[in-house]
Amino acid sequence: MNKNTKSHGMSKSKLSKIDEHIKNNYINNNKYIGTSTLIYRKGEIAYLDIQGQQDRERSIPLKRDTIFRIYSMTKPITSVALMTLYEEGKFQLDDFVYKYIPSWKNLKSYQSGKYPNFKTKTLDNPMTIKDLLSHQSGLTYGFSQKTEVDKAYREKGIGRMESLHTNQTLEDMINLLSEVPLEFNPGSSWNYSVSTDVIGYLIELLSCMPFDTFLKEKIFEPLNMNDTGFYVPENKLNRFAANYIFNDGEELGESMSLVNKDTKESGPPILIEDPMISPYSKNPTFFSGGGGLVSTIDDYLNFCIMLLNNGSYKNHQILSKKTVNLMTNNHITDKKDLLETASGRWAETTYAGIGFGLGFQILLDPVKSQITSSKGEYGWGGAASTVFWVDPKEDLITIFLTQLVPSSAYNIRRELRTLVYSSINN
């Protein structure tokens, strides 16, 4: 355990319950191999707890500078990056996507049929950039395994974790997506999807820069995110965490990402990626804006501080206050929550009382969501059970990092919120 001695309006005795809870319920019984938990409040780190191992097989302890796969916690970073171009007047939120990707002008939506013989229909409304940012685009993920369109994604290799480390490029993905119908008319529903990968491609088109270079120059360098990127250089591999998957004693499959295993007995997590021979050791050709980044807890804290400070970090103004406010309000059609509008059965969030902004989930109603937090809290999570949230009302940031796929294996996110908010005493 590593804990800051200061406590900024938070009870030290209550904060100590967090590391006790993680240790007793997750580390000691081998549910998580290692965890890093950080709470930032009123301008300072109020709490930092580091437990367990970075690499079980080599008995390497987890450290503050351990590098994690953050998977879908990449999405908020990509969304912020796009909005820096919005502030330069490069596009408008209601611009049709086909204005920048002409091959998408004749996209259709699914009507009936089985892959590959689809019956499609003309879109009522062309897809906009806002639809991409808010996951109302009609795109999907293949791992959902719910619809025939999902199946087409799997058959074409679109949006799979394996795609992060192939010779595919963003342009290749765009071309493949032009061959598959949308799940629904853009703006009519919400569905977790590869939309943010498309945003990475738009950034390349609008900036005339490779996506990885744009992130480095416009986001990572100004925010001192020195360990964040799409790969881990050789001289940092000794800090890269191993990745594990939930072990329920059954055959591992892609559907693991969808199933909550809380009620099942489980064995020790299974190693699925050795950091020393990881595909992340090589610079990829596919820069996934939806899930490709690695980072550290301090790097991601800098990103969150920028958001909490209305787009400002030290001497750098990444976004204006107005743009951050725009991004962190609910953009779901008719201001509905995800329970009312989501068509997919899984995302990195629950649905009741939760809306979605431009890259973030938004807590609309703590009572309906049954989440202990503040209205207006925003954040997101990643496939390896990572999560962060920013609460402007409480001047609070919480970040939790570990490496266990899928994120639905345990209910740590709700538990952590309860523990964090019960620690506030001022």
Protein backbone atom coordinates (compact mmCIF):
# COMPACT_ATOMS: atom_id res chain seq x y z
CA MET A 1 0.00 0.00 0.00
CA ASN A 2 1.18 3.51 -0.85
CA LYS A 3 -0.99 6.29 0.50
CA ASN A 4 -0.55 10.07 0.53
CA THR A 5 -0.43 11.37 4.09
CA LYS A 6 -2.71 14.30 3.27
CA SER A 7 -6.46 13.95 3.07
CA HIS A 8 -8.32 16.73 1.28
CA GLY A 9 -11.75 16.78 2.81
CA MET A 10 -11.72 12.99 3.04
CA SER A 11 -11.67 10.72 6.08
CA LYS A 12 -8.37 8.87 6.49
CA SER A 13 -10.05 6.01 8.31
CA LYS A 14 -12.66 5.67 5.58
CA LEU A 15 -10.02 5.85 2.84
CA SER A 16 -8.17 3.00 4.51
CA LYS A 17 -11.27 0.89 3.95
CA ILE A 18 -10.63 1.08 0.20
CA ASP A 19 -7.29 -0.72 0.31
CA GLU A 20 -8.69 -3.17 2.87
CA HIS A 21 -11.62 -3.93 0.56
CA ILE A 22 -9.40 -4.45 -2.49
CA LYS A 23 -6.88 -6.53 -0.55
CA ASN A 24 -9.42 -8.76 1.19
CA ASN A 25 -11.83 -9.20 -1.71
CA TYR A 26 -9.60 -9.12 -4.79
CA ILE A 27 -5.85 -9.44 -4.14
CA ASN A 28 -5.71 -12.07 -1.39
CA ASN A 29 -8.07 -14.40 -3.26
CA ASN A 30 -6.35 -13.90 -6.64
CA LYS A 31 -9.25 -12.22 -8.40
CA TYR A 32 -6.97 -9.37 -9.47
CA ILE A 33 -3.22 -9.83 -9.80
CA GLY A 34 -2.50 -6.17 -9.05
CA THR A 35 -4.36 -2.88 -8.68
CA SER A 36 -3.59 0.82 -8.61
CA THR A 37 -6.18 3.22 -7.18
CA LEU A 38 -5.90 7.01 -7.10
CA ILE A 39 -8.21 9.72 -5.75
CA TYR A 40 -7.51 13.36 -6.56
CA ARG A 41 -9.51 16.02 -4.71
CA LYS A 42 -9.24 19.77 -4.25
CA GLY A 43 -6.05 20.04 -6.27
CA GLU A 44 -4.03 17.24 -4.66
CA ILE A 45 -3.70 13.48 -4.61
CA ALA A 46 -5.75 12.55 -1.56
CA TYR A 47 -5.22 8.81 -1.84
CA LEU A 48 -2.97 6.40 -3.70
CA ASP A 49 -3.02 2.65 -3.12
CA ILE A 50 -0.90 0.14 -5.03
CA GLN A 51 -1.27 -3.58 -4.37
CA GLY A 52 -0.26 -6.90 -5.82
CA GLN A 53 1.89 -7.73 -8.80
CA GLN A 54 2.61 -6.23 -12.20
CA ASP A 55 3.66 -9.65 -13.47
CA ARG A 56 2.63 -12.75 -11.51
CA GLU A 57 4.80 -15.13 -13.53
CA ARG A 58 7.96 -13.14 -12.80
CA SER A 59 6.94 -12.03 -9.27
CA ILE A 60 7.35 -8.36 -10.20
CA PRO A 61 5.44 -6.05 -7.83
CA LEU A 62 3.05 -3.45 -9.22
CA LYS A 63 4.51 0.04 -9.03
CA ARG A 64 3.29 3.57 -9.48
CA ASP A 65 4.90 3.79 -12.93
CA THR A 66 3.54 0.45 -14.20
CA ILE A 67 2.22 0.73 -17.75
CA PHE A 68 -1.30 -0.62 -18.37
CA ARG A 69 -3.42 -1.40 -21.42
CA ILE A 70 -6.25 1.09 -21.01
CA TYR A 71 -8.31 -0.20 -23.96
CA SER A 72 -11.54 1.86 -24.16
CA MET A 73 -10.22 4.54 -21.81
CA THR A 74 -8.54 5.55 -25.08
CA LYS A 75 -11.93 6.80 -26.31
CA PRO A 76 -12.14 9.99 -24.18
CA ILE A 77 -8.61 10.94 -25.25
CA THR A 78 -9.48 10.49 -28.93
CA SER A 79 -12.70 12.48 -28.48
CA VAL A 80 -10.82 15.36 -26.84
CA ALA A 81 -8.28 15.27 -29.67
CA LEU A 82 -11.03 15.63 -32.28
CA MET A 83 -12.59 18.52 -30.39
CA THR A 84 -9.31 20.45 -30.51
CA LEU A 85 -9.86 20.49 -34.28
CA TYR A 86 -13.46 21.57 -33.72
CA GLU A 87 -12.11 24.60 -31.90
CA GLU A 88 -9.95 25.36 -34.93
CA GLY A 89 -13.04 25.47 -37.13
CA LYS A 90 -12.11 22.30 -39.03
CA PHE A 91 -15.64 20.83 -38.79
CA GLN A 92 -19.07 21.21 -37.22
CA LEU A 93 -20.80 18.58 -35.12
CA ASP A 94 -23.71 18.34 -37.55
CA ASP A 95 -21.44 17.82 -40.57
CA PHE A 96 -22.27 14.63 -42.43
CA VAL A 97 -19.45 12.11 -42.14
CA TYR A 98 -19.55 11.46 -45.89
CA LYS A 99 -18.32 15.04 -46.39
CA TYR A 100 -14.92 13.71 -45.26
CA ILE A 101 -15.35 10.04 -46.20
CA PRO A 102 -17.05 10.11 -49.64
CA SER A 103 -17.26 6.31 -49.83
CA TRP A 104 -19.78 6.47 -46.98
CA LYS A 105 -22.28 8.64 -48.85
CA ASN A 106 -24.39 5.65 -49.83
CA LEU A 107 -24.36 3.80 -46.51
CA LYS A 108 -27.55 1.82 -45.82
CA SER A 109 -29.11 0.42 -42.66
CA TYR A 110 -29.91 -3.23 -42.03
CA GLN A 111 -33.45 -4.39 -42.70
CA SER A 112 -33.37 -8.20 -42.86
CA GLY A 113 -31.42 -11.23 -44.02
CA LYS A 114 -28.41 -13.21 -42.85
CA TYR A 115 -24.77 -12.43 -43.54
CA PRO A 116 -23.69 -11.95 -46.27
CA ASN A 117 -27.08 -11.62 -47.98
CA PHE A 118 -28.52 -8.49 -46.41
CA LYS A 119 -31.62 -6.56 -47.37
CA THR A 120 -30.96 -2.90 -46.62
CA LYS A 121 -32.78 0.41 -46.71
CA THR A 122 -31.82 4.02 -47.37
CA LEU A 123 -30.93 6.06 -44.29
CA ASP A 124 -33.50 8.54 -42.98
CA ASN A 125 -30.66 10.73 -41.72
CA PRO A 126 -27.02 10.60 -42.84
CA MET A 127 -24.48 9.98 -40.09
CA THR A 128 -23.03 13.12 -38.45
CA ILE A 129 -19.82 13.64 -36.52
CA LYS A 130 -21.91 14.11 -33.38
CA ASP A 131 -23.36 10.65 -33.99
CA LEU A 132 -19.84 9.22 -33.95
CA LEU A 133 -18.84 11.03 -30.75
CA SER A 134 -22.02 9.99 -28.95
CA HIS A 135 -22.22 6.39 -30.26
CA GLN A 136 -25.47 7.03 -32.10
CA SER A 137 -23.88 6.33 -35.50
CA GLY A 138 -25.41 2.92 -36.24
CA LEU A 139 -21.99 1.26 -36.14
CA THR A 140 -21.36 -1.65 -33.76
CA TYR A 141 -18.75 -4.06 -32.36
CA GLY A 142 -18.46 -7.64 -33.59
CA PHE A 143 -18.04 -9.06 -30.09
CA SER A 144 -21.66 -8.22 -29.25
CA GLN A 145 -22.70 -11.45 -31.04
CA LYS A 146 -26.30 -10.25 -31.13
CA THR A 147 -27.14 -9.36 -34.73
CA GLU A 148 -26.27 -10.30 -38.28
CA VAL A 149 -24.39 -7.02 -38.60
CA ASP A 150 -22.24 -8.01 -35.62
CA LYS A 151 -21.49 -11.23 -37.47
CA ALA A 152 -20.39 -9.29 -40.55
CA TYR A 153 -17.94 -7.33 -38.37
CA ARG A 154 -16.48 -10.55 -37.02
CA GLU A 155 -16.19 -12.10 -40.47
CA LYS A 156 -14.40 -9.02 -41.81
CA GLY A 157 -12.20 -8.60 -38.72
CA ILE A 158 -13.59 -5.18 -37.80
CA GLY A 159 -13.21 -3.97 -34.22
CA ARG A 160 -11.63 -7.08 -32.74
CA MET A 161 -8.87 -6.81 -30.13
CA GLU A 162 -6.68 -8.74 -32.54
CA SER A 163 -7.06 -5.89 -35.05
CA LEU A 164 -4.88 -3.73 -32.81
CA HIS A 165 -1.84 -5.75 -33.84
CA THR A 166 -2.36 -6.59 -37.50
CA ASN A 167 -1.12 -4.90 -40.66
CA GLN A 168 -4.51 -3.23 -41.03
CA THR A 169 -4.69 0.58 -41.15
CA LEU A 170 -7.48 2.99 -40.22
CA GLU A 171 -8.18 3.47 -43.91
CA ASP A 172 -8.53 -0.30 -44.34
CA MET A 173 -11.14 -0.34 -41.58
CA ILE A 174 -13.03 2.55 -43.19
CA ASN A 175 -13.15 0.66 -46.49
CA LEU A 176 -14.43 -2.50 -44.78
CA LEU A 177 -17.11 -0.54 -42.93
CA SER A 178 -18.38 0.85 -46.22
CA GLU A 179 -19.31 -2.73 -47.18
CA VAL A 180 -21.49 -3.40 -44.11
CA PRO A 181 -24.91 -1.87 -43.36
CA LEU A 182 -25.50 0.17 -40.21
CA GLU A 183 -27.47 -1.39 -37.36
CA PHE A 184 -29.98 1.49 -37.40
CA ASN A 185 -30.58 4.99 -38.70
CA PRO A 186 -28.02 7.36 -37.16
CA GLY A 187 -29.39 9.30 -34.21
CA SER A 188 -32.26 6.89 -33.58
CA SER A 189 -30.56 4.67 -31.00
CA TRP A 190 -27.37 4.21 -28.95
CA ASN A 191 -24.93 1.37 -29.51
CA TYR A 192 -21.36 0.93 -28.27
CA SER A 193 -19.21 0.71 -31.36
CA VAL A 194 -16.09 1.36 -33.42
CA SER A 195 -17.23 4.98 -33.84
CA THR A 196 -14.19 6.28 -31.99
CA ASP A 197 -11.85 4.41 -34.33
CA VAL A 198 -13.54 6.29 -37.16
CA ILE A 199 -12.86 9.50 -35.23
CA GLY A 200 -9.15 8.63 -35.27
CA TYR A 201 -9.34 8.44 -39.06
CA LEU A 202 -11.17 11.79 -39.23
CA ILE A 203 -8.39 13.33 -37.15
CA GLU A 204 -5.87 12.17 -39.75
CA LEU A 205 -7.93 13.68 -42.56
CA LEU A 206 -8.61 16.99 -40.81
CA SER A 207 -5.11 17.52 -39.44
CA CYS A 208 -3.10 16.02 -42.33
CA MET A 209 -1.08 14.18 -39.67
CA PRO A 210 -0.84 10.52 -38.65
CA PHE A 211 -3.17 9.93 -35.71
CA ASP A 212 -0.40 8.79 -33.35
CA THR A 213 1.68 11.87 -34.17
CA PHE A 214 -1.30 14.17 -33.62
CA LEU A 215 -1.97 12.69 -30.18
CA LYS A 216 1.67 12.98 -29.20
CA GLU A 217 2.01 16.63 -30.23
CA LYS A 218 -1.42 17.96 -29.27
CA ILE A 219 -2.31 15.88 -26.20
CA PHE A 220 0.49 13.81 -24.69
CA GLU A 221 3.36 16.31 -24.79
CA PRO A 222 1.36 19.28 -23.40
CA LEU A 223 -0.06 17.06 -20.64
CA ASN A 224 3.28 15.42 -19.77
CA MET A 225 1.81 12.01 -20.62
CA ASN A 226 5.25 10.63 -21.33
CA ASP A 227 4.36 6.94 -20.99
CA THR A 228 1.16 7.00 -23.06
CA GLY A 229 1.10 5.73 -26.62
CA PHE A 230 0.17 2.91 -28.97
CA TYR A 231 3.16 0.75 -28.08
CA VAL A 232 5.71 0.19 -25.30
CA PRO A 233 9.33 0.97 -26.24
CA GLU A 234 11.92 -1.69 -25.41
CA ASN A 235 13.41 0.39 -22.59
CA LYS A 236 10.00 0.48 -20.84
CA LEU A 237 8.94 -3.16 -21.24
CA ASN A 238 10.16 -3.88 -17.70
CA ARG A 239 7.33 -1.60 -16.49
CA PHE A 240 4.61 -3.13 -18.67
CA ALA A 241 1.98 -5.20 -16.85
CA ALA A 242 0.98 -8.71 -17.82
CA ASN A 243 -2.60 -9.14 -18.99
CA TYR A 244 -4.98 -11.78 -17.63
CA ILE A 245 -8.45 -13.15 -18.33
CA PHE A 246 -11.13 -14.25 -15.91
CA ASN A 247 -10.99 -18.00 -15.31
CA ASP A 248 -14.40 -19.61 -14.98
CA GLY A 249 -13.21 -23.08 -15.89
CA GLU A 250 -14.84 -22.89 -19.30
CA GLU A 251 -13.42 -22.52 -22.80
CA LEU A 252 -12.28 -18.96 -23.39
CA GLY A 253 -14.10 -17.08 -26.11
CA GLU A 254 -14.86 -13.63 -27.40
CA SER A 255 -18.20 -13.65 -25.57
CA MET A 256 -16.25 -13.45 -22.29
CA SER A 257 -16.39 -9.68 -22.68
CA LEU A 258 -20.16 -9.72 -22.28
CA VAL A 259 -20.85 -12.10 -19.43
CA ASN A 260 -20.98 -11.05 -15.78
CA LYS A 261 -19.43 -13.92 -13.84
CA ASP A 262 -20.07 -12.63 -10.30
CA THR A 263 -22.12 -15.61 -9.20
CA LYS A 264 -19.71 -18.26 -10.47
CA GLU A 265 -16.77 -19.85 -8.73
CA SER A 266 -13.54 -18.96 -10.49
CA GLY A 267 -9.93 -20.03 -10.50
CA PRO A 268 -6.85 -17.80 -10.65
CA PRO A 269 -6.79 -15.48 -13.69
CA ILE A 270 -5.18 -16.94 -16.81
CA LEU A 271 -2.26 -15.17 -18.45
CA ILE A 272 -3.22 -14.04 -21.96
CA GLU A 273 -0.36 -11.68 -22.75
CA ASP A 274 3.23 -11.85 -21.54
CA PRO A 275 4.54 -8.26 -21.46
CA MET A 276 8.02 -9.32 -22.54
CA ILE A 277 6.77 -10.80 -25.82
CA SER A 278 3.73 -8.60 -26.22
CA PRO A 279 2.52 -7.29 -29.59
CA TYR A 280 2.52 -3.89 -27.85
CA SER A 281 6.33 -3.96 -28.08
CA LYS A 282 6.02 -2.99 -31.75
CA ASN A 283 4.66 0.25 -33.18
CA PRO A 284 1.39 -0.74 -34.89
CA THR A 285 -0.02 0.28 -38.25
CA PHE A 286 -3.56 0.38 -36.85
CA PHE A 287 -3.87 3.27 -34.39
CA SER A 288 -7.10 2.44 -32.59
CA GLY A 289 -8.75 5.55 -31.21
CA GLY A 290 -11.24 3.26 -29.56
CA GLY A 291 -8.91 1.02 -27.60
CA GLY A 292 -5.26 1.06 -28.60
CA LEU A 293 -3.42 3.09 -25.96
CA VAL A 294 -1.27 2.12 -23.00
CA SER A 295 -0.75 4.51 -20.10
CA THR A 296 0.17 4.95 -16.44
CA ILE A 297 -1.94 6.16 -13.56
CA ASP A 298 -0.07 9.48 -13.39
CA ASP A 299 -0.34 10.08 -17.12
CA TYR A 300 -4.08 9.47 -17.05
CA LEU A 301 -4.40 11.68 -13.99
CA ASN A 302 -2.90 14.57 -15.99
CA PHE A 303 -5.54 14.04 -18.67
CA CYS A 304 -8.30 14.04 -16.04
CA ILE A 305 -6.92 17.13 -14.31
CA MET A 306 -7.12 18.94 -17.64
CA LEU A 307 -10.80 18.01 -17.89
CA LEU A 308 -11.56 18.96 -14.29
CA ASN A 309 -9.79 22.30 -14.86
CA ASN A 310 -12.06 23.08 -17.82
CA GLY A 311 -9.52 22.16 -20.48
CA SER A 312 -6.46 23.65 -18.81
CA TYR A 313 -3.31 21.91 -17.59
CA LYS A 314 -0.52 24.07 -16.18
CA ASN A 315 0.35 26.49 -19.01
CA HIS A 316 -1.56 24.60 -21.70
CA GLN A 317 -5.18 25.19 -22.72
CA ILE A 318 -6.13 21.97 -24.52
CA LEU A 319 -9.82 22.86 -24.81
CA SER A 320 -11.95 25.82 -23.79
CA LYS A 321 -14.28 25.66 -20.80
CA LYS A 322 -17.27 25.86 -23.15
CA THR A 323 -16.09 22.88 -25.20
CA VAL A 324 -15.49 20.73 -22.11
CA ASN A 325 -18.99 21.65 -20.94
CA LEU A 326 -20.40 20.73 -24.36
CA MET A 327 -18.66 17.35 -24.30
CA THR A 328 -19.79 16.47 -20.77
CA ASN A 329 -23.50 17.08 -21.26
CA ASN A 330 -25.97 14.46 -22.48
CA HIS A 331 -26.23 14.27 -26.28
CA ILE A 332 -28.60 11.31 -26.52
CA THR A 333 -31.58 12.14 -28.74
CA ASP A 334 -34.42 13.71 -26.69
CA LYS A 335 -32.09 13.70 -23.65
CA LYS A 336 -32.97 10.10 -22.85
CA ASP A 337 -30.83 7.76 -20.79
CA LEU A 338 -29.19 4.64 -22.21
CA LEU A 339 -31.85 2.38 -20.73
CA GLU A 340 -34.42 4.03 -22.99
CA THR A 341 -32.36 4.22 -26.15
CA ALA A 342 -29.57 1.60 -26.19
CA SER A 343 -29.93 -1.19 -28.73
CA GLY A 344 -26.79 -3.10 -27.74
CA ARG A 345 -26.66 -5.34 -24.70
CA TRP A 346 -23.23 -4.35 -23.39
CA ALA A 347 -20.96 -1.34 -22.86
CA GLU A 348 -18.46 -0.10 -20.28
CA THR A 349 -21.35 1.26 -18.21
CA THR A 350 -24.73 0.41 -16.79
CA TYR A 351 -27.71 2.00 -18.59
CA ALA A 352 -30.28 3.28 -16.06
CA GLY A 353 -29.87 6.98 -15.29
CA ILE A 354 -26.81 7.23 -17.56
CA GLY A 355 -26.56 9.44 -20.63
CA PHE A 356 -23.74 9.93 -23.09
CA GLY A 357 -21.89 13.05 -24.13
CA LEU A 358 -19.16 13.50 -26.71
CA GLY A 359 -16.87 10.69 -25.61
CA PHE A 360 -18.02 10.18 -22.01
CA GLN A 361 -20.82 8.54 -20.06
CA ILE A 362 -22.76 11.13 -18.06
CA LEU A 363 -24.53 10.44 -14.77
CA LEU A 364 -27.99 11.96 -15.22
CA ASP A 365 -29.83 10.56 -12.21
CA PRO A 366 -27.99 8.96 -9.25
CA VAL A 367 -31.28 7.62 -7.85
CA LYS A 368 -32.32 5.90 -11.07
CA SER A 369 -28.81 4.58 -11.65
CA GLN A 370 -28.43 3.49 -8.02
CA ILE A 371 -24.89 4.81 -8.15
CA THR A 372 -23.42 6.79 -5.26
CA SER A 373 -22.08 9.88 -7.01
CA SER A 374 -23.07 13.35 -8.23
CA LYS A 375 -25.31 14.36 -11.10
CA GLY A 376 -23.01 15.41 -13.93
CA GLU A 377 -20.18 13.02 -13.08
CA TYR A 378 -18.54 11.71 -16.27
CA GLY A 379 -15.98 9.09 -17.24
CA TRP A 380 -15.48 5.70 -18.87
CA GLY A 381 -13.81 2.31 -18.47
CA GLY A 382 -11.70 -0.21 -20.33
CA ALA A 383 -11.92 -3.91 -21.21
CA ALA A 384 -9.24 -4.93 -18.69
CA SER A 385 -11.41 -3.69 -15.76
CA THR A 386 -9.95 -0.17 -15.66
CA VAL A 387 -12.17 2.83 -14.92
CA PHE A 388 -12.03 6.56 -14.27
CA TRP A 389 -14.50 9.28 -13.44
CA VAL A 390 -14.45 13.04 -12.96
CA ASP A 391 -16.90 14.70 -10.56
CA PRO A 392 -16.83 18.50 -10.95
CA LYS A 393 -19.28 19.05 -8.09
CA GLU A 394 -16.96 17.32 -5.62
CA ASP A 395 -13.76 18.53 -7.32
CA LEU A 396 -12.85 14.86 -7.56
CA ILE A 397 -11.08 12.41 -9.86
CA THR A 398 -10.91 8.65 -9.32
CA ILE A 399 -8.79 6.26 -11.39
CA PHE A 400 -8.60 2.49 -10.98
CA LEU A 401 -6.19 0.40 -13.05
CA THR A 402 -5.74 -3.36 -13.23
CA GLN A 403 -5.39 -5.94 -16.04
CA LEU A 404 -8.25 -8.45 -16.08
CA VAL A 405 -10.44 -9.13 -19.10
CA PRO A 406 -13.44 -8.80 -19.18
CA SER A 407 -14.42 -5.69 -17.26
CA SER A 408 -17.71 -7.35 -16.32
CA ALA A 409 -15.96 -10.06 -14.26
CA TYR A 410 -16.52 -8.24 -10.95
CA ASN A 411 -18.55 -5.31 -9.64
CA ILE A 412 -15.53 -3.27 -8.51
CA ARG A 413 -16.68 -0.08 -10.24
CA ARG A 414 -19.84 0.33 -8.16
CA GLU A 415 -18.07 -0.84 -5.02
CA LEU A 416 -15.32 1.70 -5.54
CA ARG A 417 -17.78 4.56 -5.99
CA THR A 418 -19.49 3.68 -2.71
CA LEU A 419 -16.15 3.53 -0.88
CA VAL A 420 -14.88 6.79 -2.40
CA TYR A 421 -17.97 8.88 -1.70
CA SER A 422 -18.41 7.51 1.81
CA SER A 423 -14.91 8.87 2.54
CA ILE A 424 -15.84 12.50 1.83
CA ASN A 425 -16.34 14.48 5.03
CA ASN A 426 -15.93 18.04 3.81
